[in-house]
Amino acid sequence: SRVRDKNAIYRTRREAKDTQIPLVVLVDKNSASASEIVSG
């Protein structure tokens, strides 16, 4: 952010359920915000 206090880093907090399963994420023009974070 332009405001330094608003900067943040988000990390996973727990052990993953499955780091190997093949995964496809479906998105479209209406996938926004948190959907973009997950797919990205």
Full PDB file with SEQRES, HELIX, SHEET, SSBOND, CRYST1, ORIGX, SCALE, CONECT and MASTER records, all heavy atoms in Angstrom:
SEQRES   1 A   40  SER ARG VAL ARG ASP LYS ASN ALA ILE TYR ARG THR ARG          
SEQRES   2 A   40  ARG GLU ALA LYS ASP THR GLN ILE PRO LEU VAL VAL LEU          
SEQRES   3 A   40  VAL ASP LYS ASN SER ALA SER ALA SER GLU ILE VAL SER          
SEQRES   4 A   40  GLY                                                          
HELIX    1 AA1 ARG A    4  LYS A    6  5                                   3    
HELIX    2 AA2 ALA A   34  SER A   39  1                                   6    
CRYST1    1.000    1.000    1.000  90.00  90.00  90.00 P 1           1          
ORIGX1      1.000000  0.000000  0.000000        0.00000                         
ORIGX2      0.000000  1.000000  0.000000        0.00000                         
ORIGX3      0.000000  0.000000  1.000000        0.00000                         
SCALE1      1.000000  0.000000  0.000000        0.00000                         
SCALE2      0.000000  1.000000  0.000000        0.00000                         
SCALE3      0.000000  0.000000  1.000000        0.00000                         
ATOM      1  N   SER A   1       0.837  -1.191   0.000  1.00  0.00           N  
ATOM      2  CA  SER A   1       0.000   0.000   0.000  1.00  0.00           C  
ATOM      3  C   SER A   1       0.872   1.241   0.000  1.00  0.00           C  
ATOM      4  O   SER A   1       2.043   1.185   0.377  1.00  0.00           O  
ATOM      5  CB  SER A   1      -0.885  -0.014   1.253  1.00  0.00           C  
ATOM      6  OG  SER A   1      -1.582   1.195   1.393  1.00  0.00           O  
ATOM      7  N   ARG A   2       0.299   2.334  -0.415  1.00  0.00           N  
ATOM      8  CA  ARG A   2       1.008   3.616  -0.300  1.00  0.00           C  
ATOM      9  C   ARG A   2       1.215   3.963   1.167  1.00  0.00           C  
ATOM     10  O   ARG A   2       2.156   4.646   1.523  1.00  0.00           O  
ATOM     11  CB  ARG A   2       0.200   4.720  -0.976  1.00  0.00           C  
ATOM     12  CG  ARG A   2       0.163   4.577  -2.459  1.00  0.00           C  
ATOM     13  CD  ARG A   2      -0.605   5.713  -3.077  1.00  0.00           C  
ATOM     14  NE  ARG A   2      -0.905   5.370  -4.463  1.00  0.00           N  
ATOM     15  CZ  ARG A   2      -1.868   5.863  -5.154  1.00  0.00           C  
ATOM     16  NH1 ARG A   2      -2.672   6.750  -4.620  1.00  0.00           N  
ATOM     17  NH2 ARG A   2      -2.056   5.495  -6.397  1.00  0.00           N  
ATOM     18  N   VAL A   3       0.293   3.484   2.005  1.00  0.00           N  
ATOM     19  CA  VAL A   3       0.404   3.678   3.446  1.00  0.00           C  
ATOM     20  C   VAL A   3       1.124   2.458   4.013  1.00  0.00           C  
ATOM     21  O   VAL A   3       0.593   1.348   3.999  1.00  0.00           O  
ATOM     22  CB  VAL A   3      -0.999   3.835   4.088  1.00  0.00           C  
ATOM     23  CG1 VAL A   3      -0.885   4.029   5.588  1.00  0.00           C  
ATOM     24  CG2 VAL A   3      -1.774   4.959   3.425  1.00  0.00           C  
ATOM     25  N   ARG A   4       2.333   2.671   4.487  1.00  0.00           N  
ATOM     26  CA  ARG A   4       3.197   1.567   4.918  1.00  0.00           C  
ATOM     27  C   ARG A   4       2.530   0.668   5.959  1.00  0.00           C  
ATOM     28  O   ARG A   4       2.711  -0.548   5.950  1.00  0.00           O  
ATOM     29  CB  ARG A   4       4.509   2.131   5.447  1.00  0.00           C  
ATOM     30  CG  ARG A   4       5.531   1.052   5.735  1.00  0.00           C  
ATOM     31  CD  ARG A   4       6.873   1.632   6.025  1.00  0.00           C  
ATOM     32  NE  ARG A   4       7.421   2.113   4.748  1.00  0.00           N  
ATOM     33  CZ  ARG A   4       8.546   2.758   4.628  1.00  0.00           C  
ATOM     34  NH1 ARG A   4       9.254   3.023   5.691  1.00  0.00           N  
ATOM     35  NH2 ARG A   4       8.966   3.158   3.457  1.00  0.00           N  
ATOM     36  N   ASP A   5       1.718   1.223   6.847  1.00  0.00           N  
ATOM     37  CA  ASP A   5       1.054   0.427   7.892  1.00  0.00           C  
ATOM     38  C   ASP A   5       0.035  -0.553   7.319  1.00  0.00           C  
ATOM     39  O   ASP A   5      -0.397  -1.469   8.010  1.00  0.00           O  
ATOM     40  CB  ASP A   5       0.364   1.338   8.903  1.00  0.00           C  
ATOM     41  CG  ASP A   5       1.355   2.127   9.751  1.00  0.00           C  
ATOM     42  OD1 ASP A   5       2.553   1.778   9.745  1.00  0.00           O  
ATOM     43  OD2 ASP A   5       0.934   3.095  10.414  1.00  0.00           O  
ATOM     44  N   LYS A   6      -0.379  -0.336   6.089  1.00  0.00           N  
ATOM     45  CA  LYS A   6      -1.367  -1.208   5.459  1.00  0.00           C  
ATOM     46  C   LYS A   6      -0.721  -2.383   4.716  1.00  0.00           C  
ATOM     47  O   LYS A   6      -1.418  -3.253   4.212  1.00  0.00           O  
ATOM     48  CB  LYS A   6      -2.252  -0.417   4.478  1.00  0.00           C  
ATOM     49  CG  LYS A   6      -3.006   0.715   5.116  1.00  0.00           C  
ATOM     50  CD  LYS A   6      -4.121   0.221   5.980  1.00  0.00           C  
ATOM     51  CE  LYS A   6      -4.895   1.395   6.552  1.00  0.00           C  
ATOM     52  NZ  LYS A   6      -5.904   0.982   7.480  1.00  0.00           N  
ATOM     53  N   ASN A   7       0.605  -2.392   4.609  1.00  0.00           N  
ATOM     54  CA  ASN A   7       1.299  -3.507   3.953  1.00  0.00           C  
ATOM     55  C   ASN A   7       1.086  -4.776   4.774  1.00  0.00           C  
ATOM     56  O   ASN A   7       1.039  -4.731   5.999  1.00  0.00           O  
ATOM     57  CB  ASN A   7       2.798  -3.227   3.833  1.00  0.00           C  
ATOM     58  CG  ASN A   7       3.105  -2.099   2.869  1.00  0.00           C  
ATOM     59  OD1 ASN A   7       2.250  -1.683   2.099  1.00  0.00           O  
ATOM     60  ND2 ASN A   7       4.319  -1.600   2.926  1.00  0.00           N  
ATOM     61  N   ALA A   8       0.968  -5.904   4.089  1.00  0.00           N  
ATOM     62  CA  ALA A   8       0.759  -7.171   4.800  1.00  0.00           C  
ATOM     63  C   ALA A   8       1.284  -8.330   3.970  1.00  0.00           C  
ATOM     64  O   ALA A   8       1.280  -8.289   2.738  1.00  0.00           O  
ATOM     65  CB  ALA A   8      -0.727  -7.367   5.094  1.00  0.00           C  
ATOM     66  N   ILE A   9       1.746  -9.347   4.664  1.00  0.00           N  
ATOM     67  CA  ILE A   9       2.152 -10.604   4.031  1.00  0.00           C  
ATOM     68  C   ILE A   9       1.303 -11.698   4.660  1.00  0.00           C  
ATOM     69  O   ILE A   9       1.226 -11.811   5.888  1.00  0.00           O  
ATOM     70  CB  ILE A   9       3.647 -10.890   4.246  1.00  0.00           C  
ATOM     71  CG1 ILE A   9       4.494  -9.813   3.561  1.00  0.00           C  
ATOM     72  CG2 ILE A   9       4.006 -12.279   3.734  1.00  0.00           C  
ATOM     73  CD1 ILE A   9       5.972  -9.911   3.847  1.00  0.00           C  
ATOM     74  N   TYR A  10       0.651 -12.480   3.821  1.00  0.00           N  
ATOM     75  CA  TYR A  10      -0.188 -13.583   4.295  1.00  0.00           C  
ATOM     76  C   TYR A  10       0.499 -14.907   3.980  1.00  0.00           C  
ATOM     77  O   TYR A  10       0.895 -15.148   2.847  1.00  0.00           O  
ATOM     78  CB  TYR A  10      -1.567 -13.533   3.638  1.00  0.00           C  
ATOM     79  CG  TYR A  10      -2.391 -12.364   4.099  1.00  0.00           C  
ATOM     80  CD1 TYR A  10      -2.308 -11.126   3.456  1.00  0.00           C  
ATOM     81  CD2 TYR A  10      -3.256 -12.496   5.176  1.00  0.00           C  
ATOM     82  CE1 TYR A  10      -3.069 -10.050   3.886  1.00  0.00           C  
ATOM     83  CE2 TYR A  10      -4.026 -11.417   5.607  1.00  0.00           C  
ATOM     84  CZ  TYR A  10      -3.922 -10.200   4.956  1.00  0.00           C  
ATOM     85  OH  TYR A  10      -4.671  -9.142   5.379  1.00  0.00           O  
ATOM     86  N   ARG A  11       0.614 -15.735   4.999  1.00  0.00           N  
ATOM     87  CA  ARG A  11       1.233 -17.059   4.875  1.00  0.00           C  
ATOM     88  C   ARG A  11       0.244 -18.125   5.351  1.00  0.00           C  
ATOM     89  O   ARG A  11      -0.609 -17.851   6.193  1.00  0.00           O  
ATOM     90  CB  ARG A  11       2.495 -17.154   5.734  1.00  0.00           C  
ATOM     91  CG  ARG A  11       3.579 -16.188   5.357  1.00  0.00           C  
ATOM     92  CD  ARG A  11       4.790 -16.336   6.289  1.00  0.00           C  
ATOM     93  NE  ARG A  11       5.826 -15.404   5.925  1.00  0.00           N  
ATOM     94  CZ  ARG A  11       6.711 -15.607   4.953  1.00  0.00           C  
ATOM     95  NH1 ARG A  11       6.674 -16.718   4.267  1.00  0.00           N  
ATOM     96  NH2 ARG A  11       7.616 -14.707   4.672  1.00  0.00           N  
ATOM     97  N   THR A  12       0.414 -19.318   4.817  1.00  0.00           N  
ATOM     98  CA  THR A  12      -0.391 -20.436   5.295  1.00  0.00           C  
ATOM     99  C   THR A  12       0.017 -20.744   6.730  1.00  0.00           C  
ATOM    100  O   THR A  12       1.175 -20.558   7.110  1.00  0.00           O  
ATOM    101  CB  THR A  12      -0.207 -21.656   4.389  1.00  0.00           C  
ATOM    102  OG1 THR A  12       1.184 -21.920   4.251  1.00  0.00           O  
ATOM    103  CG2 THR A  12      -0.821 -21.427   3.016  1.00  0.00           C  
ATOM    104  N   ARG A  13      -0.939 -21.227   7.520  1.00  0.00           N  
ATOM    105  CA  ARG A  13      -0.695 -21.388   8.962  1.00  0.00           C  
ATOM    106  C   ARG A  13      -0.648 -22.835   9.447  1.00  0.00           C  
ATOM    107  O   ARG A  13      -0.204 -23.095  10.551  1.00  0.00           O  
ATOM    108  CB  ARG A  13      -1.780 -20.653   9.753  1.00  0.00           C  
ATOM    109  CG  ARG A  13      -1.822 -19.171   9.451  1.00  0.00           C  
ATOM    110  CD  ARG A  13      -2.916 -18.474  10.200  1.00  0.00           C  
ATOM    111  NE  ARG A  13      -4.222 -18.957   9.756  1.00  0.00           N  
ATOM    112  CZ  ARG A  13      -5.354 -18.731  10.389  1.00  0.00           C  
ATOM    113  NH1 ARG A  13      -5.348 -18.057  11.506  1.00  0.00           N  
ATOM    114  NH2 ARG A  13      -6.493 -19.181   9.918  1.00  0.00           N  
ATOM    115  N   ARG A  14      -1.141 -23.758   8.641  1.00  0.00           N  
ATOM    116  CA  ARG A  14      -1.228 -25.157   9.077  1.00  0.00           C  
ATOM    117  C   ARG A  14      -0.582 -26.083   8.056  1.00  0.00           C  
ATOM    118  O   ARG A  14      -0.258 -25.675   6.955  1.00  0.00           O  
ATOM    119  CB  ARG A  14      -2.703 -25.544   9.250  1.00  0.00           C  
ATOM    120  CG  ARG A  14      -3.389 -24.832  10.389  1.00  0.00           C  
ATOM    121  CD  ARG A  14      -4.837 -25.264  10.527  1.00  0.00           C  
ATOM    122  NE  ARG A  14      -5.752 -24.558   9.640  1.00  0.00           N  
ATOM    123  CZ  ARG A  14      -6.155 -23.315   9.812  1.00  0.00           C  
ATOM    124  NH1 ARG A  14      -5.719 -22.613  10.829  1.00  0.00           N  
ATOM    125  NH2 ARG A  14      -6.989 -22.757   8.984  1.00  0.00           N  
ATOM    126  N   GLU A  15      -0.455 -27.331   8.452  1.00  0.00           N  
ATOM    127  CA  GLU A  15       0.024 -28.339   7.501  1.00  0.00           C  
ATOM    128  C   GLU A  15      -1.045 -28.531   6.426  1.00  0.00           C  
ATOM    129  O   GLU A  15      -2.233 -28.522   6.729  1.00  0.00           O  
ATOM    130  CB  GLU A  15       0.306 -29.668   8.211  1.00  0.00           C  
ATOM    131  CG  GLU A  15       1.431 -29.597   9.230  1.00  0.00           C  
ATOM    132  CD  GLU A  15       2.752 -29.139   8.628  1.00  0.00           C  
ATOM    133  OE1 GLU A  15       3.095 -29.558   7.505  1.00  0.00           O  
ATOM    134  OE2 GLU A  15       3.451 -28.337   9.287  1.00  0.00           O  
ATOM    135  N   ALA A  16      -0.606 -28.698   5.199  1.00  0.00           N  
ATOM    136  CA  ALA A  16      -1.537 -28.875   4.078  1.00  0.00           C  
ATOM    137  C   ALA A  16      -2.248 -30.215   4.189  1.00  0.00           C  
ATOM    138  O   ALA A  16      -1.721 -31.174   4.750  1.00  0.00           O  
ATOM    139  CB  ALA A  16      -0.784 -28.787   2.763  1.00  0.00           C  
ATOM    140  N   LYS A  17      -3.443 -30.283   3.613  1.00  0.00           N  
ATOM    141  CA  LYS A  17      -4.180 -31.553   3.545  1.00  0.00           C  
ATOM    142  C   LYS A  17      -3.595 -32.449   2.465  1.00  0.00           C  
ATOM    143  O   LYS A  17      -3.537 -33.662   2.622  1.00  0.00           O  
ATOM    144  CB  LYS A  17      -5.668 -31.303   3.247  1.00  0.00           C  
ATOM    145  CG  LYS A  17      -6.393 -30.541   4.313  1.00  0.00           C  
ATOM    146  CD  LYS A  17      -6.584 -31.383   5.530  1.00  0.00           C  
ATOM    147  CE  LYS A  17      -7.334 -30.615   6.595  1.00  0.00           C  
ATOM    148  NZ  LYS A  17      -7.341 -31.332   7.859  1.00  0.00           N  
ATOM    149  N   ASP A  18      -3.202 -31.852   1.321  1.00  0.00           N  
ATOM    150  CA  ASP A  18      -2.667 -32.640   0.204  1.00  0.00           C  
ATOM    151  C   ASP A  18      -1.891 -31.721  -0.736  1.00  0.00           C  
ATOM    152  O   ASP A  18      -2.481 -30.874  -1.393  1.00  0.00           O  
ATOM    153  CB  ASP A  18      -3.808 -33.317  -0.553  1.00  0.00           C  
ATOM    154  CG  ASP A  18      -3.332 -34.371  -1.533  1.00  0.00           C  
ATOM    155  OD1 ASP A  18      -2.235 -34.202  -2.123  1.00  0.00           O  
ATOM    156  OD2 ASP A  18      -4.050 -35.355  -1.720  1.00  0.00           O  
ATOM    157  N   THR A  19      -0.588 -31.902  -0.786  1.00  0.00           N  
ATOM    158  CA  THR A  19       0.254 -31.049  -1.648  1.00  0.00           C  
ATOM    159  C   THR A  19       0.525 -31.686  -3.003  1.00  0.00           C  
ATOM    160  O   THR A  19       1.217 -31.088  -3.830  1.00  0.00           O  
ATOM    161  CB  THR A  19       1.607 -30.758  -0.969  1.00  0.00           C  
ATOM    162  OG1 THR A  19       2.288 -31.997  -0.745  1.00  0.00           O  
ATOM    163  CG2 THR A  19       1.422 -30.004   0.329  1.00  0.00           C  
ATOM    164  N   GLN A  20      -0.005 -32.868  -3.253  1.00  0.00           N  
ATOM    165  CA  GLN A  20       0.311 -33.584  -4.489  1.00  0.00           C  
ATOM    166  C   GLN A  20      -0.877 -33.789  -5.424  1.00  0.00           C  
ATOM    167  O   GLN A  20      -0.679 -34.049  -6.611  1.00  0.00           O  
ATOM    168  CB  GLN A  20       0.913 -34.963  -4.164  1.00  0.00           C  
ATOM    169  CG  GLN A  20       2.199 -34.885  -3.362  1.00  0.00           C  
ATOM    170  CD  GLN A  20       3.286 -34.112  -4.081  1.00  0.00           C  
ATOM    171  OE1 GLN A  20       3.556 -34.349  -5.250  1.00  0.00           O  
ATOM    172  NE2 GLN A  20       3.905 -33.168  -3.384  1.00  0.00           N  
ATOM    173  N   ILE A  21      -2.079 -33.706  -4.920  1.00  0.00           N  
ATOM    174  CA  ILE A  21      -3.244 -33.992  -5.754  1.00  0.00           C  
ATOM    175  C   ILE A  21      -3.280 -33.054  -6.966  1.00  0.00           C  
ATOM    176  O   ILE A  21      -3.106 -31.847  -6.818  1.00  0.00           O  
ATOM    177  CB  ILE A  21      -4.559 -33.903  -4.942  1.00  0.00           C  
ATOM    178  CG1 ILE A  21      -5.731 -34.473  -5.743  1.00  0.00           C  
ATOM    179  CG2 ILE A  21      -4.828 -32.486  -4.474  1.00  0.00           C  
ATOM    180  CD1 ILE A  21      -6.970 -34.724  -4.898  1.00  0.00           C  
ATOM    181  N   PRO A  22      -3.459 -33.589  -8.176  1.00  0.00           N  
ATOM    182  CA  PRO A  22      -3.601 -32.712  -9.346  1.00  0.00           C  
ATOM    183  C   PRO A  22      -4.810 -31.795  -9.170  1.00  0.00           C  
ATOM    184  O   PRO A  22      -5.884 -32.227  -8.745  1.00  0.00           O  
ATOM    185  CB  PRO A  22      -3.804 -33.691 -10.503  1.00  0.00           C  
ATOM    186  CG  PRO A  22      -3.171 -34.964 -10.028  1.00  0.00           C  
ATOM    187  CD  PRO A  22      -3.440 -34.999  -8.548  1.00  0.00           C  
ATOM    188  N   LEU A  23      -4.614 -30.516  -9.506  1.00  0.00           N  
ATOM    189  CA  LEU A  23      -5.605 -29.497  -9.201  1.00  0.00           C  
ATOM    190  C   LEU A  23      -5.810 -28.594 -10.407  1.00  0.00           C  
ATOM    191  O   LEU A  23      -4.856 -28.101 -11.001  1.00  0.00           O  
ATOM    192  CB  LEU A  23      -5.111 -28.666  -8.015  1.00  0.00           C  
ATOM    193  CG  LEU A  23      -5.924 -27.481  -7.544  1.00  0.00           C  
ATOM    194  CD1 LEU A  23      -7.307 -27.914  -7.054  1.00  0.00           C  
ATOM    195  CD2 LEU A  23      -5.170 -26.760  -6.427  1.00  0.00           C  
ATOM    196  N   VAL A  24      -7.089 -28.380 -10.774  1.00  0.00           N  
ATOM    197  CA  VAL A  24      -7.464 -27.415 -11.799  1.00  0.00           C  
ATOM    198  C   VAL A  24      -8.408 -26.413 -11.138  1.00  0.00           C  
ATOM    199  O   VAL A  24      -9.375 -26.809 -10.483  1.00  0.00           O  
ATOM    200  CB  VAL A  24      -8.169 -28.094 -13.002  1.00  0.00           C  
ATOM    201  CG1 VAL A  24      -8.698 -27.044 -13.967  1.00  0.00           C  
ATOM    202  CG2 VAL A  24      -7.230 -29.048 -13.704  1.00  0.00           C  
ATOM    203  N   VAL A  25      -8.112 -25.117 -11.304  1.00  0.00           N  
ATOM    204  CA  VAL A  25      -8.968 -24.059 -10.775  1.00  0.00           C  
ATOM    205  C   VAL A  25      -9.671 -23.405 -11.957  1.00  0.00           C  
ATOM    206  O   VAL A  25      -9.016 -22.906 -12.876  1.00  0.00           O  
ATOM    207  CB  VAL A  25      -8.153 -23.014  -9.985  1.00  0.00           C  
ATOM    208  CG1 VAL A  25      -9.078 -21.933  -9.433  1.00  0.00           C  
ATOM    209  CG2 VAL A  25      -7.375 -23.671  -8.850  1.00  0.00           C  
ATOM    210  N   LEU A  26     -11.001 -23.418 -11.940  1.00  0.00           N  
ATOM    211  CA  LEU A  26     -11.793 -22.792 -12.994  1.00  0.00           C  
ATOM    212  C   LEU A  26     -12.133 -21.359 -12.601  1.00  0.00           C  
ATOM    213  O   LEU A  26     -12.597 -21.109 -11.485  1.00  0.00           O  
ATOM    214  CB  LEU A  26     -13.092 -23.564 -13.233  1.00  0.00           C  
ATOM    215  CG  LEU A  26     -12.974 -25.026 -13.631  1.00  0.00           C  
ATOM    216  CD1 LEU A  26     -14.370 -25.634 -13.797  1.00  0.00           C  
ATOM    217  CD2 LEU A  26     -12.165 -25.184 -14.891  1.00  0.00           C  
ATOM    218  N   VAL A  27     -11.893 -20.407 -13.524  1.00  0.00           N  
ATOM    219  CA  VAL A  27     -12.215 -19.001 -13.301  1.00  0.00           C  
ATOM    220  C   VAL A  27     -12.920 -18.445 -14.527  1.00  0.00           C  
ATOM    221  O   VAL A  27     -12.881 -19.042 -15.604  1.00  0.00           O  
ATOM    222  CB  VAL A  27     -10.953 -18.160 -12.992  1.00  0.00           C  
ATOM    223  CG1 VAL A  27     -10.307 -18.589 -11.688  1.00  0.00           C  
ATOM    224  CG2 VAL A  27      -9.956 -18.231 -14.126  1.00  0.00           C  
ATOM    225  N   ASP A  28     -13.566 -17.295 -14.353  1.00  0.00           N  
ATOM    226  CA  ASP A  28     -14.154 -16.569 -15.483  1.00  0.00           C  
ATOM    227  C   ASP A  28     -14.053 -15.077 -15.212  1.00  0.00           C  
ATOM    228  O   ASP A  28     -13.405 -14.668 -14.238  1.00  0.00           O  
ATOM    229  CB  ASP A  28     -15.600 -17.019 -15.752  1.00  0.00           C  
ATOM    230  CG  ASP A  28     -16.565 -16.696 -14.628  1.00  0.00           C  
ATOM    231  OD1 ASP A  28     -16.195 -15.961 -13.675  1.00  0.00           O  
ATOM    232  OD2 ASP A  28     -17.711 -17.168 -14.681  1.00  0.00           O  
ATOM    233  N   LYS A  29     -14.689 -14.278 -16.034  1.00  0.00           N  
ATOM    234  CA  LYS A  29     -14.582 -12.823 -15.896  1.00  0.00           C  
ATOM    235  C   LYS A  29     -15.195 -12.308 -14.597  1.00  0.00           C  
ATOM    236  O   LYS A  29     -14.939 -11.186 -14.184  1.00  0.00           O  
ATOM    237  CB  LYS A  29     -15.221 -12.124 -17.096  1.00  0.00           C  
ATOM    238  CG  LYS A  29     -16.715 -12.293 -17.188  1.00  0.00           C  
ATOM    239  CD  LYS A  29     -17.287 -11.601 -18.395  1.00  0.00           C  
ATOM    240  CE  LYS A  29     -18.794 -11.795 -18.454  1.00  0.00           C  
ATOM    241  NZ  LYS A  29     -19.372 -11.109 -19.585  1.00  0.00           N  
ATOM    242  N   ASN A  30     -15.999 -13.115 -13.929  1.00  0.00           N  
ATOM    243  CA  ASN A  30     -16.623 -12.722 -12.670  1.00  0.00           C  
ATOM    244  C   ASN A  30     -15.895 -13.253 -11.440  1.00  0.00           C  
ATOM    245  O   ASN A  30     -16.358 -13.068 -10.322  1.00  0.00           O  
ATOM    246  CB  ASN A  30     -18.087 -13.163 -12.652  1.00  0.00           C  
ATOM    247  CG  ASN A  30     -18.884 -12.486 -13.737  1.00  0.00           C  
ATOM    248  OD1 ASN A  30     -18.791 -11.278 -13.930  1.00  0.00           O  
ATOM    249  ND2 ASN A  30     -19.654 -13.256 -14.487  1.00  0.00           N  
ATOM    250  N   SER A  31     -14.773 -13.926 -11.645  1.00  0.00           N  
ATOM    251  CA  SER A  31     -13.946 -14.385 -10.528  1.00  0.00           C  
ATOM    252  C   SER A  31     -13.059 -13.215 -10.118  1.00  0.00           C  
ATOM    253  O   SER A  31     -12.235 -12.756 -10.904  1.00  0.00           O  
ATOM    254  CB  SER A  31     -13.073 -15.567 -10.952  1.00  0.00           C  
ATOM    255  OG  SER A  31     -13.845 -16.623 -11.451  1.00  0.00           O  
ATOM    256  N   ALA A  32     -13.239 -12.723  -8.901  1.00  0.00           N  
ATOM    257  CA  ALA A  32     -12.525 -11.505  -8.500  1.00  0.00           C  
ATOM    258  C   ALA A  32     -12.009 -11.625  -7.074  1.00  0.00           C  
ATOM    259  O   ALA A  32     -12.356 -12.550  -6.347  1.00  0.00           O  
ATOM    260  CB  ALA A  32     -13.464 -10.305  -8.622  1.00  0.00           C  
ATOM    261  N   SER A  33     -11.168 -10.659  -6.709  1.00  0.00           N  
ATOM    262  CA  SER A  33     -10.724 -10.474  -5.342  1.00  0.00           C  
ATOM    263  C   SER A  33     -10.072 -11.740  -4.779  1.00  0.00           C  
ATOM    264  O   SER A  33      -9.014 -12.150  -5.242  1.00  0.00           O  
ATOM    265  CB  SER A  33     -11.912 -10.007  -4.500  1.00  0.00           C  
ATOM    266  OG  SER A  33     -11.570  -9.782  -3.170  1.00  0.00           O  
ATOM    267  N   ALA A  34     -10.685 -12.357  -3.781  1.00  0.00           N  
ATOM    268  CA  ALA A  34     -10.110 -13.552  -3.159  1.00  0.00           C  
ATOM    269  C   ALA A  34      -9.981 -14.704  -4.154  1.00  0.00           C  
ATOM    270  O   ALA A  34      -9.064 -15.521  -4.047  1.00  0.00           O  
ATOM    271  CB  ALA A  34     -10.952 -13.977  -1.958  1.00  0.00           C  
ATOM    272  N   SER A  35     -10.859 -14.764  -5.151  1.00  0.00           N  
ATOM    273  CA  SER A  35     -10.740 -15.790  -6.204  1.00  0.00           C  
ATOM    274  C   SER A  35      -9.446 -15.598  -6.981  1.00  0.00           C  
ATOM    275  O   SER A  35      -8.787 -16.564  -7.359  1.00  0.00           O  
ATOM    276  CB  SER A  35     -11.919 -15.713  -7.177  1.00  0.00           C  
ATOM    277  OG  SER A  35     -13.116 -16.047  -6.552  1.00  0.00           O  
ATOM    278  N   GLU A  36      -9.092 -14.340  -7.221  1.00  0.00           N  
ATOM    279  CA  GLU A  36      -7.853 -14.043  -7.931  1.00  0.00           C  
ATOM    280  C   GLU A  36      -6.636 -14.377  -7.076  1.00  0.00           C  
ATOM    281  O   GLU A  36      -5.617 -14.838  -7.584  1.00  0.00           O  
ATOM    282  CB  GLU A  36      -7.818 -12.568  -8.338  1.00  0.00           C  
ATOM    283  CG  GLU A  36      -8.886 -12.226  -9.366  1.00  0.00           C  
ATOM    284  CD  GLU A  36      -9.028 -10.742  -9.587  1.00  0.00           C  
ATOM    285  OE1 GLU A  36      -9.241  -9.995  -8.604  1.00  0.00           O  
ATOM    286  OE2 GLU A  36      -8.916 -10.324 -10.758  1.00  0.00           O  
ATOM    287  N   ILE A  37      -6.752 -14.169  -5.776  1.00  0.00           N  
ATOM    288  CA  ILE A  37      -5.655 -14.520  -4.875  1.00  0.00           C  
ATOM    289  C   ILE A  37      -5.428 -16.022  -4.899  1.00  0.00           C  
ATOM    290  O   ILE A  37      -4.295 -16.495  -5.035  1.00  0.00           O  
ATOM    291  CB  ILE A  37      -5.941 -14.016  -3.443  1.00  0.00           C  
ATOM    292  CG1 ILE A  37      -5.862 -12.486  -3.410  1.00  0.00           C  
ATOM    293  CG2 ILE A  37      -4.988 -14.646  -2.435  1.00  0.00           C  
ATOM    294  CD1 ILE A  37      -6.377 -11.863  -2.130  1.00  0.00           C  
ATOM    295  N   VAL A  38      -6.498 -16.798  -4.782  1.00  0.00           N  
ATOM    296  CA  VAL A  38      -6.373 -18.257  -4.778  1.00  0.00           C  
ATOM    297  C   VAL A  38      -5.831 -18.755  -6.112  1.00  0.00           C  
ATOM    298  O   VAL A  38      -4.845 -19.497  -6.151  1.00  0.00           O  
ATOM    299  CB  VAL A  38      -7.717 -18.942  -4.442  1.00  0.00           C  
ATOM    300  CG1 VAL A  38      -7.654 -20.441  -4.705  1.00  0.00           C  
ATOM    301  CG2 VAL A  38      -8.082 -18.676  -2.986  1.00  0.00           C  
ATOM    302  N   SER A  39      -6.439 -18.349  -7.203  1.00  0.00           N  
ATOM    303  CA  SER A  39      -5.988 -18.844  -8.511  1.00  0.00           C  
ATOM    304  C   SER A  39      -4.573 -18.367  -8.817  1.00  0.00           C  
ATOM    305  O   SER A  39      -3.751 -19.121  -9.350  1.00  0.00           O  
ATOM    306  CB  SER A  39      -6.963 -18.438  -9.620  1.00  0.00           C  
ATOM    307  OG  SER A  39      -7.126 -17.039  -9.673  1.00  0.00           O  
ATOM    308  N   GLY A  40      -4.255 -17.132  -8.451  1.00  0.00           N  
ATOM    309  CA  GLY A  40      -2.908 -16.611  -8.687  1.00  0.00           C  
ATOM    310  C   GLY A  40      -1.849 -17.353  -7.898  1.00  0.00           C  
ATOM    311  O   GLY A  40      -0.778 -17.676  -8.414  1.00  0.00           O  
TER     312      GLY A  40                                                      
MASTER        0    0    0    2    0    0    0    6  311    1    0    4          
END                                                                             
